[in-house]
Protein backbone atom coordinates (compact mmCIF):
# COMPACT_ATOMS: atom_id res chain seq x y z
CA MET A 1 -9.24 31.14 79.98
CA ARG A 2 -9.54 30.94 76.49
CA ALA A 3 -8.84 27.58 75.09
CA LEU A 4 -5.26 27.03 73.04
CA THR A 5 -6.26 25.59 69.55
CA LEU A 6 -3.51 23.44 67.98
CA VAL A 7 -2.24 24.22 64.63
CA LEU A 8 -0.61 20.79 63.14
CA LEU A 9 2.26 21.93 61.00
CA MET A 10 3.41 18.88 58.56
CA VAL A 11 6.49 19.37 56.36
CA LEU A 12 7.11 17.06 53.28
CA VAL A 13 10.20 17.64 51.74
CA VAL A 14 10.04 16.35 48.30
CA VAL A 15 13.81 15.96 46.12
CA SER A 16 13.70 15.82 42.78
CA THR A 17 16.98 15.76 40.20
CA GLY A 18 16.41 19.08 39.26
CA SER A 19 14.89 20.93 42.29
CA THR A 20 13.80 20.75 46.02
CA THR A 21 10.40 21.63 46.82
CA ARG A 22 8.75 21.63 50.11
CA THR A 23 5.05 21.30 50.72
CA VAL A 24 3.93 23.17 53.80
CA SER A 25 0.11 22.20 55.26
CA THR A 26 -1.65 24.39 57.60
CA GLY A 27 -4.99 23.13 57.96
CA SER A 28 -6.95 23.87 55.42
CA THR A 29 -4.07 25.82 53.13
CA THR A 30 -1.62 23.54 51.16
CA ARG A 31 1.13 25.36 49.47
CA THR A 32 4.45 24.46 47.44
CA VAL A 33 7.25 26.30 48.07
CA SER A 34 10.45 25.89 45.94
CA THR A 35 13.87 25.91 47.89
CA GLY A 36 16.02 25.75 44.19
CA SER A 37 18.14 23.56 42.53
CA THR A 38 19.99 20.50 44.09
CA THR A 39 21.93 19.09 41.26
CA ARG A 40 25.30 20.31 40.31
CA ALA A 41 27.13 19.46 37.18
CA ALA A 42 29.67 17.13 37.39
CA GLU A 43 33.38 18.58 37.02
CA PRO A 44 35.67 16.86 34.98
CA GLN A 45 38.18 15.31 36.96
CA ARG A 46 41.56 17.20 36.88
CA PHE A 47 44.45 15.23 37.98
CA TRP A 48 45.44 11.78 36.53
CA VAL A 49 48.30 11.21 38.93
CA GLN A 50 48.62 9.89 42.49
CA ASP A 51 51.17 12.34 43.52
CA THR A 52 49.71 14.43 45.90
CA HIS A 53 52.55 16.84 47.05
CA ARG A 54 52.61 20.43 45.97
CA TYR A 55 55.83 21.44 43.92
CA THR A 56 57.65 24.57 43.61
CA SER A 57 59.64 25.56 40.53
CA PRO A 58 61.68 28.46 39.12
CA TRP A 59 59.01 28.59 35.96
CA TYR A 60 55.82 29.41 38.58
CA ALA A 61 55.24 31.37 41.78
CA GLY A 62 53.87 29.00 44.54
CA ALA A 63 53.46 25.58 44.85
CA HIS A 64 51.11 23.26 42.98
CA ARG A 65 50.16 19.55 42.24
CA LYS A 66 50.96 17.82 38.96
CA MET A 67 47.52 16.98 36.97
CA ILE A 68 49.21 14.88 34.27
CA ASN A 69 52.84 13.69 34.04
CA PHE A 70 54.77 13.50 31.12
CA GLY A 71 54.25 9.92 29.10
CA CYS A 72 51.56 7.32 28.74
CA THR A 73 48.36 8.63 30.60
CA ARG A 74 44.54 7.44 30.95
CA ALA A 75 43.44 10.89 30.52
CA PRO A 76 40.82 11.10 27.51
CA TYR A 77 42.29 13.81 25.95
CA TYR A 78 44.79 11.95 23.94
CA ASP A 79 44.51 9.57 21.18
CA PRO A 80 45.59 5.96 21.69
CA SER A 81 49.57 5.98 21.48
CA PRO A 82 51.36 3.03 20.24
CA ARG A 83 54.22 3.67 22.89
CA CYS A 84 51.57 3.07 25.70
CA PRO A 85 49.62 -0.25 26.75
CA GLY A 86 46.36 -0.34 25.79
CA ASP A 87 44.22 2.73 25.21
CA ARG A 88 46.55 4.96 26.75
CA GLY A 89 47.58 8.47 25.07
CA PHE A 90 50.91 9.84 25.21
CA HIS A 91 50.99 13.37 27.07
CA HIS A 92 54.06 14.91 25.57
CA GLY A 93 54.59 17.28 28.65
CA LEU A 94 53.89 18.03 31.79
CA ASP A 95 50.62 19.71 33.44
CA VAL A 96 50.61 21.61 36.82
CA ALA A 97 47.68 22.85 38.12
CA MET A 98 47.22 26.37 38.88
CA ARG A 99 44.60 29.42 39.27
CA CYS A 100 44.34 31.52 36.12
CA GLY A 101 46.50 34.52 36.29
CA THR A 102 48.98 32.74 38.10
CA PRO A 103 52.73 34.50 37.39
CA LEU A 104 54.92 32.45 35.24
CA TYR A 105 58.82 33.15 35.09
CA ALA A 106 61.56 32.33 32.71
CA GLY A 107 63.31 29.44 34.72
CA PHE A 108 66.44 30.10 32.80
CA SER A 109 67.73 32.45 30.20
CA GLY A 110 67.02 32.06 26.63
CA TRP A 111 64.97 33.55 23.22
CA VAL A 112 61.62 33.81 22.69
CA VAL A 113 60.99 31.77 19.56
CA ALA A 114 59.09 33.29 16.39
CA PRO A 115 55.70 31.16 16.29
CA ALA A 116 55.91 30.36 12.77
CA SER A 117 59.40 28.86 13.45
CA ALA A 118 60.13 25.25 12.95
CA GLY A 119 58.22 22.98 15.78
CA SER A 120 55.23 26.03 15.73
CA LEU A 121 52.72 25.67 18.31
CA GLY A 122 49.14 24.04 17.10
CA SER A 123 45.68 25.38 18.68
CA ALA A 124 45.63 22.58 21.43
CA TYR A 125 48.48 25.00 23.61
CA GLY A 126 46.20 27.58 23.17
CA ALA A 127 46.34 31.07 21.16
CA LYS A 128 48.99 32.82 22.97
CA ALA A 129 51.49 29.60 23.76
CA PHE A 130 54.98 30.23 23.17
CA ARG A 131 58.12 28.92 23.37
CA ILE A 132 61.64 29.93 25.13
CA ARG A 133 64.90 28.70 23.33
CA ASN A 134 67.93 27.83 25.62
CA HIS A 135 71.03 27.42 23.29
CA ASP A 136 73.63 25.73 26.02
CA ARG A 137 71.03 23.20 27.13
CA GLY A 138 69.76 22.66 23.11
CA VAL A 139 65.76 22.47 23.64
CA ASP A 140 62.90 24.64 23.19
CA VAL A 141 60.43 25.32 26.45
CA VAL A 142 56.86 25.40 25.59
CA LEU A 143 54.31 27.44 27.86
CA GLY A 144 50.97 26.23 26.92
CA HIS A 145 47.30 27.23 27.98
CA VAL A 146 49.07 31.00 29.25
CA SER A 147 46.23 33.56 29.38
CA ARG A 148 48.66 36.73 28.98
CA VAL A 149 51.98 37.09 27.59
CA TYR A 150 54.92 39.72 28.47
CA VAL A 151 57.58 38.83 25.91
CA ALA A 152 57.18 38.94 22.29
CA PRO A 153 59.16 36.79 19.42
CA GLY A 154 62.99 37.71 19.29
CA ASP A 155 62.99 39.28 22.98
CA ARG A 156 65.91 38.16 25.22
CA VAL A 157 65.09 36.86 28.65
CA ARG A 158 66.66 36.24 31.84
CA ALA A 159 66.37 33.97 34.40
CA GLY A 160 63.26 35.00 37.11
CA GLN A 161 61.85 37.31 34.73
CA LEU A 162 58.11 37.18 34.62
CA VAL A 163 56.91 36.50 30.87
CA ALA A 164 53.21 35.40 31.05
CA ARG A 165 50.31 34.29 33.42
CA ALA A 166 48.65 30.86 33.56
CA GLY A 167 45.51 30.30 31.92
CA ARG A 168 43.19 27.37 30.13
CA LEU A 169 42.92 28.60 26.34
CA GLY A 170 42.92 25.85 24.59
CA ALA A 171 42.87 23.50 28.13
CA PRO A 172 39.64 21.31 28.38
CA ASP A 173 40.33 20.43 31.96
CA GLY A 174 40.63 24.14 33.70
CA CYS A 175 43.37 26.17 34.71
CA HIS A 176 46.82 25.11 34.81
CA LEU A 177 50.64 25.38 32.93
CA HIS A 178 51.66 22.98 30.36
CA PHE A 179 55.30 22.75 30.60
CA GLU A 180 56.93 20.93 27.49
CA VAL A 181 60.36 20.21 26.34
CA ARG A 182 61.85 19.56 22.90
CA PRO A 183 65.12 19.71 20.81
CA ILE A 184 65.34 23.31 19.33
CA GLY A 185 63.01 23.13 16.41
CA GLY A 186 61.44 19.89 17.03
CA GLY A 187 57.57 19.23 16.64
CA TYR A 188 55.38 17.83 19.92
CA LEU A 189 56.63 14.14 18.89
CA SER A 190 60.45 14.64 19.76
CA ALA A 191 59.50 16.19 23.43
CA VAL A 192 61.88 15.08 25.83
CA ARG A 193 61.14 14.55 29.75
CA PRO A 194 60.68 18.23 31.14
CA HIS A 195 61.48 17.42 34.88
CA PRO A 196 65.53 18.40 34.27
CA SER A 197 64.08 21.49 32.72
CA LEU A 198 60.96 22.28 35.18
CA MET A 199 63.23 21.85 38.12
CA LEU A 200 60.20 20.69 40.56
CA ALA A 201 61.08 20.87 44.23
CA ARG A 202 59.00 19.94 47.55
């Protein structure tokens, strides 16, 4: 009967910040095998509210979480505001997290406002952001960071009409809808609490 030879296999796993290596010793032969990176780039914090509920709205498809509320916030994207305590900034809209491409609808009827008219939007809203004006309510609704738009300035839109899709243009924190409400022709500093127009429901 042939004697059995035992082969001692020793596996050492060495973890580095950039990759994982495995050193395998089989007697006189030693080889090192790379098993790929173990580090993952840190993702930016997206949610600056404690509310984890998902909300529906006539302005978008599905139910989604709020990311940043209207008003004073610790989110790092805004300069400190004299309206807020400490070093907090002021957010002039309400951000709702959703996948890029989520359908966006007109929550109520109105007219699509010409981009160059009073209260025009800056680059922070994204290149395709636009406003819907409702004279009965006396407001302009801003839909920011959208990726695709199905209406044009001067168009009359009706409640429930598909007008755009959510995106991340101009946004540092991923896909979402920036929903902002202003008096007709007003700039961002005149923005008012958006909840009555957004009509969130659980």
